[in-house]
Amino acid sequence: MIVRVDTPAATGAAGTRRIAPWALVCAAMFAVAWGGNEFTPLLVMYRLDHGFSSVVVDTFLFAYVIGIVPAMLIGGPLSDRLGRRPLMLPAPFVAAAGSIVLALGADSAPLLVLGRILSGVGLGLGMAVGGSWLKELSVPPWDPKTGSGSGARRAAMSLTAGFAIGAGVAGVLAQWAPWPSALAYLLHIALTLVAGAALTAAPESRPATPKEQRAPLLDDLKIPAAAHRRFWFVIAPVAPWVFGAASCAYAVMPSLMAERSGGRPVAFSALLCVVALGCGFAIQALGRRIDTPRSARAVIVALAILAVGMTLGALAADRLTIPLALLAAAVLGCGYGMALVSGLQEIQRIARPDDLAGLTAVFYSLTYIGFAVPAVLALAAQTWPDAVGYPTLFLVGAAVAVASLVLVSTRSRAYLPKR
């Protein structure tokens, strides 16, 4: 595959239309995000058709965090040292390897865990390294007409689109197409191979540091900006809510609604994924207008939406009706989208050029704590079935969201970086 891209030297006079460099990185991030979330609507299938318990299935969901977090925390800082290309180019192919293992391991818990870990490694590199590469290609001279914050919005929207479309397609194929345990993964393998081949044409935005100028590797893995007070008082309180909200919408809710989904539990699970992530994608455009460098207004809006979403989740878990489940998923998805884009905007304000990827990796690592929520809720409901139900657990989540909102509100204008 040969892809022609715009470069600072080649843009302009000839008048030919070429692919913008940032679009190639967007495509690769979209592909790895597809692989990260195609598994989610199939959770119901693995529970009903393959005999895994709810706790085990939710553990599969969380397992890819084992791949994501190291890939982000190591890959991000290493890309500040070695350049973006060497760390990001393998990501689509690692994600494809994860889909191969998942396609072969439908009845094997170890293989499903391994496949999820590989998917996580690909996604972790895509989020930390790809997000930083995308941000750097979204400013002049690579993108002369870009606006402020375009990199964060493009990264958030690429990931969310991949999460949503991957889940929707996987759910439809698993419900109605042949080979329900494999076909979705085969499609993803083809997609990632194409995106990975195209990515090789993207230009380097951060050349490797010369060997004689490199600090010791352990020093490069340190991220001084993570000690910034605004990170801990504004960004950290909202970060776990990114995927905490999303996983409640498209992992917890489908499990609760499995017996009330009109005999199509996998398709309904996919629908909840698409609704939640589609709303999350749409609201990110509004996030551009809400966000301001003078306060944490966008983060505050995100937490307020999340508190409402968790309250609606409690109501949906109690009534178990399709309209309430869809409404809760939509509001939780809006909270996810606002939390993601507002957190990335804050990160890109306080990060220095030499630790942008590292700080982005720390932020994403905190967001993935949220994927433990379904397993924790399932374990609590299984351990104390008479004392704790899902409606109560959702209300506890709403209370935590309100507490986070209060904390961020008190520090909204504090520790702002100099502009």
Protein backbone atom coordinates (compact mmCIF):
# COMPACT_ATOMS: atom_id res chain seq x y z
CA MET A 1 0.00 0.00 0.00
CA ILE A 2 1.35 3.47 -0.96
CA VAL A 3 -0.09 6.52 0.78
CA ARG A 4 0.86 10.09 -0.08
CA VAL A 5 0.73 12.56 2.78
CA ASP A 6 1.12 16.27 3.27
CA THR A 7 4.43 17.43 4.71
CA PRO A 8 5.59 20.97 5.50
CA ALA A 9 7.68 20.95 2.34
CA ALA A 10 5.10 19.38 0.06
CA THR A 11 1.94 21.20 1.08
CA GLY A 12 0.52 23.81 -1.17
CA ALA A 13 1.69 24.77 -4.63
CA ALA A 14 0.96 21.65 -6.62
CA GLY A 15 -2.70 21.74 -5.67
CA THR A 16 -3.00 17.96 -5.43
CA ARG A 17 -5.12 16.56 -2.64
CA ARG A 18 -3.20 14.34 -0.23
CA ILE A 19 -3.95 12.66 3.05
CA ALA A 20 -3.10 14.84 6.03
CA PRO A 21 -0.50 13.17 8.29
CA TRP A 22 -2.73 13.44 11.35
CA ALA A 23 -5.48 11.50 9.54
CA LEU A 24 -3.20 8.45 9.23
CA VAL A 25 -2.61 8.45 12.98
CA CYS A 26 -6.36 8.90 13.54
CA ALA A 27 -7.01 5.82 11.41
CA ALA A 28 -4.54 3.72 13.40
CA MET A 29 -6.01 4.91 16.72
CA PHE A 30 -9.49 4.11 15.39
CA ALA A 31 -8.35 0.57 14.50
CA VAL A 32 -6.75 -0.22 17.86
CA ALA A 33 -9.77 1.24 19.69
CA TRP A 34 -12.04 -1.01 17.58
CA GLY A 35 -10.01 -3.98 18.79
CA GLY A 36 -10.15 -2.83 22.38
CA ASN A 37 -13.94 -2.66 22.50
CA GLU A 38 -15.14 -5.29 20.02
CA PHE A 39 -15.04 -7.76 22.91
CA THR A 40 -17.49 -5.82 25.09
CA PRO A 41 -20.87 -6.66 23.47
CA LEU A 42 -19.76 -10.30 23.32
CA LEU A 43 -19.59 -10.53 27.13
CA VAL A 44 -23.20 -11.69 27.19
CA MET A 45 -22.42 -14.33 24.54
CA TYR A 46 -19.47 -15.70 26.53
CA ARG A 47 -21.67 -15.92 29.62
CA LEU A 48 -24.74 -17.49 27.99
CA ASP A 49 -23.17 -19.65 25.26
CA HIS A 50 -19.74 -20.55 26.65
CA GLY A 51 -20.57 -21.07 30.32
CA PHE A 52 -18.43 -18.40 32.00
CA SER A 53 -19.79 -16.76 35.17
CA SER A 54 -20.55 -13.03 35.43
CA VAL A 55 -17.50 -12.40 37.61
CA VAL A 56 -15.21 -14.27 35.18
CA VAL A 57 -16.67 -12.46 32.17
CA ASP A 58 -16.20 -9.06 33.82
CA THR A 59 -12.64 -10.10 34.67
CA PHE A 60 -12.06 -10.71 30.95
CA LEU A 61 -13.19 -7.13 30.37
CA PHE A 62 -10.67 -5.83 32.90
CA ALA A 63 -7.84 -8.14 31.78
CA TYR A 64 -6.71 -5.93 28.94
CA VAL A 65 -5.81 -3.25 31.47
CA ILE A 66 -2.83 -5.54 32.23
CA GLY A 67 -1.65 -4.78 28.71
CA ILE A 68 -2.82 -1.17 28.47
CA VAL A 69 -1.20 0.32 31.56
CA PRO A 70 2.39 -0.92 31.04
CA ALA A 71 2.18 -0.10 27.32
CA MET A 72 1.14 3.46 28.15
CA LEU A 73 3.43 4.09 31.11
CA ILE A 74 6.49 2.68 29.33
CA GLY A 75 5.61 3.37 25.70
CA GLY A 76 4.65 7.00 26.27
CA PRO A 77 7.92 8.14 27.89
CA LEU A 78 9.97 5.95 25.53
CA SER A 79 8.37 7.73 22.57
CA ASP A 80 9.52 11.04 24.08
CA ARG A 81 13.03 9.53 23.97
CA LEU A 82 13.01 7.49 20.74
CA GLY A 83 10.35 9.24 18.66
CA ARG A 84 6.70 8.45 18.01
CA ARG A 85 7.04 6.19 14.97
CA PRO A 86 9.09 3.34 16.51
CA LEU A 87 6.58 2.95 19.36
CA MET A 88 3.34 3.50 17.44
CA LEU A 89 3.98 1.57 14.22
CA PRO A 90 3.71 -1.87 15.93
CA ALA A 91 0.45 -1.00 17.70
CA PRO A 92 -2.04 -2.05 14.96
CA PHE A 93 -0.21 -5.33 14.40
CA VAL A 94 -0.18 -6.16 18.13
CA ALA A 95 -3.93 -5.43 18.19
CA ALA A 96 -4.38 -7.79 15.22
CA ALA A 97 -2.49 -10.52 17.12
CA GLY A 98 -4.91 -10.03 20.01
CA SER A 99 -7.88 -10.59 17.70
CA ILE A 100 -6.28 -13.75 16.32
CA VAL A 101 -5.95 -15.21 19.83
CA LEU A 102 -9.51 -14.18 20.76
CA ALA A 103 -10.90 -15.80 17.61
CA LEU A 104 -9.18 -19.06 18.48
CA GLY A 105 -9.95 -19.08 22.20
CA ALA A 106 -13.72 -18.72 22.65
CA ASP A 107 -13.89 -21.62 25.13
CA SER A 108 -10.54 -21.06 26.84
CA ALA A 109 -10.25 -18.59 29.70
CA PRO A 110 -6.41 -18.38 29.44
CA LEU A 111 -6.57 -17.64 25.71
CA LEU A 112 -9.27 -15.02 26.19
CA VAL A 113 -7.16 -13.33 28.86
CA LEU A 114 -4.07 -13.46 26.62
CA GLY A 115 -5.99 -12.04 23.68
CA ARG A 116 -7.34 -9.23 25.82
CA ILE A 117 -3.84 -8.41 27.09
CA LEU A 118 -2.50 -8.19 23.52
CA SER A 119 -5.45 -5.98 22.56
CA GLY A 120 -4.58 -3.84 25.56
CA VAL A 121 -0.94 -3.45 24.53
CA GLY A 122 -2.00 -2.25 21.08
CA LEU A 123 -4.56 0.13 22.52
CA GLY A 124 -2.18 1.42 25.20
CA LEU A 125 0.41 2.35 22.59
CA GLY A 126 -2.31 3.88 20.44
CA MET A 127 -3.66 6.04 23.24
CA ALA A 128 -0.41 7.33 24.77
CA VAL A 129 1.95 7.40 21.80
CA GLY A 130 -0.66 7.85 19.07
CA GLY A 131 -2.42 10.59 21.01
CA SER A 132 0.83 12.52 21.44
CA TRP A 133 1.81 12.00 17.80
CA LEU A 134 -1.62 13.18 16.71
CA LYS A 135 -1.38 16.28 18.89
CA GLU A 136 1.99 17.18 17.39
CA LEU A 137 0.76 16.66 13.82
CA SER A 138 -2.28 18.85 14.55
CA VAL A 139 -0.27 22.08 14.84
CA PRO A 140 1.72 24.11 12.30
CA PRO A 141 3.63 23.36 10.14
CA TRP A 142 1.92 19.98 9.71
CA ASP A 143 -1.58 21.43 9.99
CA PRO A 144 -1.42 25.21 9.42
CA LYS A 145 -5.17 25.84 9.70
CA THR A 146 -5.79 23.93 12.91
CA GLY A 147 -7.47 25.47 15.95
CA SER A 148 -6.47 25.31 19.58
CA GLY A 149 -7.09 21.92 21.16
CA SER A 150 -7.59 20.11 17.84
CA GLY A 151 -5.17 17.34 18.82
CA ALA A 152 -7.07 16.44 21.98
CA ARG A 153 -10.43 16.48 20.19
CA ARG A 154 -9.16 14.39 17.28
CA ALA A 155 -7.63 11.85 19.65
CA ALA A 156 -10.78 11.59 21.77
CA MET A 157 -13.07 11.33 18.75
CA SER A 158 -10.89 8.74 16.96
CA LEU A 159 -10.87 6.53 20.03
CA THR A 160 -14.57 6.94 20.72
CA ALA A 161 -15.52 6.24 17.10
CA GLY A 162 -13.42 3.07 17.16
CA PHE A 163 -14.90 1.97 20.47
CA ALA A 164 -18.47 2.55 19.24
CA ILE A 165 -18.28 1.16 15.71
CA GLY A 166 -16.19 -1.84 16.78
CA ALA A 167 -18.70 -2.75 19.45
CA GLY A 168 -21.70 -2.23 17.19
CA VAL A 169 -20.35 -4.30 14.32
CA ALA A 170 -19.14 -7.09 16.63
CA GLY A 171 -22.53 -7.33 18.34
CA VAL A 172 -24.46 -7.48 15.06
CA LEU A 173 -22.15 -10.12 13.61
CA ALA A 174 -22.24 -12.24 16.78
CA GLN A 175 -26.04 -12.09 16.93
CA TRP A 176 -26.95 -12.78 13.30
CA ALA A 177 -23.88 -13.76 11.24
CA PRO A 178 -22.15 -17.14 11.03
CA TRP A 179 -19.14 -17.94 13.23
CA PRO A 180 -20.34 -15.68 16.08
CA SER A 181 -17.18 -16.25 18.12
CA ALA A 182 -14.75 -15.46 15.31
CA LEU A 183 -16.14 -13.35 12.45
CA ALA A 184 -15.92 -9.98 14.22
CA TYR A 185 -12.29 -10.64 15.07
CA LEU A 186 -11.45 -11.61 11.49
CA LEU A 187 -12.91 -8.32 10.25
CA HIS A 188 -10.83 -6.41 12.78
CA ILE A 189 -7.65 -8.20 11.71
CA ALA A 190 -8.18 -7.01 8.13
CA LEU A 191 -8.90 -3.46 9.30
CA THR A 192 -5.79 -3.20 11.46
CA LEU A 193 -3.51 -4.57 8.75
CA VAL A 194 -4.71 -1.86 6.35
CA ALA A 195 -4.41 0.90 8.99
CA GLY A 196 -1.00 -0.34 10.06
CA ALA A 197 0.31 -0.33 6.49
CA ALA A 198 -1.01 3.22 5.93
CA LEU A 199 0.55 4.44 9.17
CA THR A 200 4.05 3.80 7.81
CA ALA A 201 3.59 6.91 5.63
CA ALA A 202 3.05 9.23 8.61
CA PRO A 203 6.02 11.52 9.30
CA GLU A 204 7.93 11.63 12.55
CA SER A 205 6.97 14.65 14.66
CA ARG A 206 9.51 14.16 17.45
CA PRO A 207 12.93 12.93 16.32
CA ALA A 208 14.81 10.61 18.62
CA THR A 209 17.09 12.22 21.17
CA PRO A 210 20.75 11.65 20.16
CA LYS A 211 22.36 8.90 22.21
CA GLU A 212 24.95 11.21 23.70
CA GLN A 213 22.19 13.51 24.98
CA ARG A 214 19.93 10.84 26.46
CA ALA A 215 19.39 10.66 30.18
CA PRO A 216 19.35 7.24 31.87
CA LEU A 217 16.27 5.23 30.89
CA LEU A 218 14.82 5.29 34.41
CA ASP A 219 15.01 9.08 34.39
CA ASP A 220 13.06 9.16 31.14
CA LEU A 221 10.34 7.01 32.70
CA LYS A 222 9.84 9.64 35.39
CA ILE A 223 7.09 12.14 34.62
CA PRO A 224 7.61 15.35 36.62
CA ALA A 225 4.40 16.94 35.35
CA ALA A 226 2.43 14.19 37.12
CA ALA A 227 3.23 15.98 40.37
CA HIS A 228 1.43 19.12 39.17
CA ARG A 229 -1.26 20.04 41.69
CA ARG A 230 -3.83 20.66 39.00
CA PHE A 231 -3.32 17.10 37.83
CA TRP A 232 -4.23 15.67 41.23
CA PHE A 233 -7.02 18.08 42.15
CA VAL A 234 -8.76 18.48 38.77
CA ILE A 235 -7.70 15.71 36.37
CA ALA A 236 -7.27 12.70 38.68
CA PRO A 237 -10.79 12.96 40.21
CA VAL A 238 -12.45 12.73 36.78
CA ALA A 239 -10.10 10.24 35.08
CA PRO A 240 -11.50 6.93 36.52
CA TRP A 241 -14.97 8.07 35.55
CA VAL A 242 -14.10 7.96 31.84
CA PHE A 243 -14.33 4.18 31.56
CA GLY A 244 -16.12 3.71 34.86
CA ALA A 245 -19.16 5.38 33.29
CA ALA A 246 -18.68 3.67 29.93
CA SER A 247 -18.33 0.19 31.44
CA CYS A 248 -21.47 0.67 33.54
CA ALA A 249 -23.36 1.57 30.36
CA TYR A 250 -22.15 -1.23 28.09
CA ALA A 251 -21.00 -4.00 30.46
CA VAL A 252 -23.14 -3.82 33.60
CA MET A 253 -26.42 -2.75 32.01
CA PRO A 254 -26.45 -5.44 29.25
CA SER A 255 -25.87 -8.13 31.87
CA LEU A 256 -28.82 -6.88 33.92
CA MET A 257 -31.02 -6.69 30.83
CA ALA A 258 -30.03 -10.04 29.29
CA GLU A 259 -33.38 -11.69 30.12
CA ARG A 260 -35.42 -8.64 29.06
CA SER A 261 -33.90 -7.83 25.69
CA GLY A 262 -36.43 -9.48 23.42
CA GLY A 263 -34.42 -12.65 22.92
CA ARG A 264 -31.51 -10.74 21.34
CA PRO A 265 -29.14 -10.16 24.28
CA VAL A 266 -25.95 -9.78 22.20
CA ALA A 267 -27.56 -7.33 19.78
CA PHE A 268 -29.05 -5.34 22.67
CA SER A 269 -25.63 -5.25 24.33
CA ALA A 270 -24.19 -3.85 21.10
CA LEU A 271 -27.00 -1.31 20.95
CA LEU A 272 -26.18 -0.05 24.44
CA CYS A 273 -22.52 0.22 23.42
CA VAL A 274 -23.38 2.22 20.33
CA VAL A 275 -25.81 4.49 22.19
CA ALA A 276 -23.35 5.21 25.01
CA LEU A 277 -20.32 5.74 22.80
CA GLY A 278 -22.28 7.52 20.09
CA CYS A 279 -23.48 10.04 22.66
CA GLY A 280 -19.94 10.25 23.99
CA PHE A 281 -18.66 10.98 20.47
CA ALA A 282 -21.32 13.62 19.78
CA ILE A 283 -20.83 15.55 23.01
CA GLN A 284 -17.10 15.92 22.41
CA ALA A 285 -17.84 18.57 19.79
CA LEU A 286 -19.79 20.49 22.43
CA GLY A 287 -16.84 20.06 24.78
CA ARG A 288 -14.83 22.43 22.57
CA ARG A 289 -17.27 25.23 23.39
CA ILE A 290 -17.56 24.39 27.08
CA ASP A 291 -13.82 24.06 27.70
CA THR A 292 -11.88 27.13 28.85
CA PRO A 293 -8.26 27.58 29.97
CA ARG A 294 -9.44 29.85 32.80
CA SER A 295 -11.19 27.16 34.87
CA ALA A 296 -12.17 23.49 35.06
CA ARG A 297 -15.62 24.22 33.65
CA ALA A 298 -15.62 21.29 31.23
CA VAL A 299 -14.55 18.83 33.95
CA ILE A 300 -17.29 20.14 36.24
CA VAL A 301 -19.90 19.66 33.51
CA ALA A 302 -18.62 16.11 32.94
CA LEU A 303 -18.95 15.18 36.62
CA ALA A 304 -22.43 16.69 36.84
CA ILE A 305 -23.54 14.59 33.86
CA LEU A 306 -21.97 11.50 35.45
CA ALA A 307 -23.86 12.02 38.71
CA VAL A 308 -27.14 12.19 36.77
CA GLY A 309 -26.14 9.15 34.71
CA MET A 310 -25.38 7.00 37.75
CA THR A 311 -28.72 8.01 39.29
CA LEU A 312 -30.51 6.99 36.11
CA GLY A 313 -28.49 3.77 36.17
CA ALA A 314 -29.88 3.01 39.62
CA LEU A 315 -33.41 3.58 38.35
CA ALA A 316 -32.81 1.42 35.26
CA ALA A 317 -31.31 -1.37 37.39
CA ASP A 318 -34.40 -1.32 39.59
CA ARG A 319 -37.06 -1.18 36.84
CA LEU A 320 -35.20 -3.18 34.13
CA THR A 321 -37.04 -1.63 31.19
CA ILE A 322 -35.50 -1.09 27.76
CA PRO A 323 -36.28 2.68 27.57
CA LEU A 324 -34.67 3.37 30.96
CA ALA A 325 -31.64 1.24 30.09
CA LEU A 326 -31.16 3.18 26.85
CA LEU A 327 -31.60 6.52 28.62
CA ALA A 328 -29.08 5.62 31.32
CA ALA A 329 -26.59 4.43 28.70
CA ALA A 330 -27.00 7.67 26.74
CA VAL A 331 -26.39 9.93 29.75
CA LEU A 332 -23.48 7.82 31.01
CA GLY A 333 -22.04 7.96 27.49
CA CYS A 334 -22.28 11.75 27.51
CA GLY A 335 -20.46 11.77 30.83
CA TYR A 336 -17.78 9.49 29.38
CA GLY A 337 -17.26 11.74 26.36
CA MET A 338 -17.05 14.97 28.35
CA ALA A 339 -14.74 13.40 30.94
CA LEU A 340 -12.39 12.10 28.23
CA VAL A 341 -12.08 15.26 26.16
CA SER A 342 -11.96 17.63 29.16
CA GLY A 343 -9.27 15.53 30.83
CA LEU A 344 -7.16 15.48 27.65
CA GLN A 345 -7.52 19.24 27.26
CA GLU A 346 -6.29 19.77 30.81
CA ILE A 347 -3.40 17.35 30.25
CA GLN A 348 -2.22 19.16 27.14
CA ARG A 349 -2.23 22.46 29.02
CA ILE A 350 -0.03 21.39 31.90
CA ALA A 351 2.29 18.96 30.06
CA ARG A 352 5.70 20.09 28.86
CA PRO A 353 6.87 19.09 25.36
CA ASP A 354 9.26 16.51 26.78
CA ASP A 355 6.68 14.68 28.90
CA LEU A 356 3.44 15.07 26.93
CA ALA A 357 3.29 11.37 26.05
CA GLY A 358 4.22 10.32 29.58
CA LEU A 359 1.58 12.49 31.25
CA THR A 360 -1.02 11.38 28.70
CA ALA A 361 -0.12 7.79 29.63
CA VAL A 362 -0.62 8.49 33.33
CA PHE A 363 -4.02 10.04 32.61
CA TYR A 364 -5.16 7.09 30.51
CA SER A 365 -3.87 4.66 33.13
CA LEU A 366 -6.13 6.32 35.67
CA THR A 367 -9.07 6.19 33.26
CA TYR A 368 -8.71 2.42 32.95
CA ILE A 369 -9.22 1.94 36.66
CA GLY A 370 -12.85 2.36 35.66
CA PHE A 371 -12.85 -0.99 33.87
CA ALA A 372 -12.62 -2.68 37.26
CA VAL A 373 -16.07 -1.32 38.14
CA PRO A 374 -18.16 -4.11 36.52
CA ALA A 375 -16.13 -6.86 38.22
CA VAL A 376 -16.31 -5.06 41.60
CA LEU A 377 -20.07 -4.58 41.29
CA ALA A 378 -20.61 -8.19 40.23
CA LEU A 379 -18.49 -9.47 43.11
CA ALA A 380 -20.31 -7.27 45.63
CA ALA A 381 -23.73 -8.34 44.36
CA GLN A 382 -22.67 -12.00 44.40
CA THR A 383 -21.12 -11.83 47.87
CA TRP A 384 -23.97 -9.96 49.59
CA PRO A 385 -27.02 -10.74 47.42
CA ASP A 386 -29.53 -9.91 50.16
CA ALA A 387 -27.88 -6.71 51.37
CA VAL A 388 -26.53 -5.07 48.22
CA GLY A 389 -28.25 -4.83 44.86
CA TYR A 390 -27.29 -3.05 41.68
CA PRO A 391 -29.65 -0.08 42.30
CA THR A 392 -27.88 0.59 45.60
CA LEU A 393 -24.46 0.21 44.00
CA PHE A 394 -25.34 2.71 41.29
CA LEU A 395 -26.51 5.19 43.95
CA VAL A 396 -23.18 4.79 45.72
CA GLY A 397 -21.53 5.62 42.41
CA ALA A 398 -23.69 8.74 42.07
CA ALA A 399 -22.61 9.86 45.55
CA VAL A 400 -18.93 9.40 44.60
CA ALA A 401 -19.51 11.45 41.43
CA VAL A 402 -21.02 14.26 43.50
CA ALA A 403 -18.07 14.16 45.90
CA SER A 404 -15.67 14.37 42.93
CA LEU A 405 -17.69 17.30 41.58
CA VAL A 406 -17.40 19.18 44.87
CA LEU A 407 -13.62 18.60 45.02
CA VAL A 408 -13.00 19.82 41.47
CA SER A 409 -15.29 22.83 41.94
CA THR A 410 -13.23 24.03 44.90
CA ARG A 411 -10.02 23.87 42.79
CA SER A 412 -11.48 24.92 39.44
CA ARG A 413 -9.33 28.07 39.08
CA ALA A 414 -6.39 26.92 41.19
CA TYR A 415 -2.93 25.91 39.94
CA LEU A 416 -3.60 27.11 36.41
CA PRO A 417 -0.52 26.95 34.16
CA LYS A 418 0.85 30.17 32.76
CA ARG A 419 -0.49 30.88 29.30
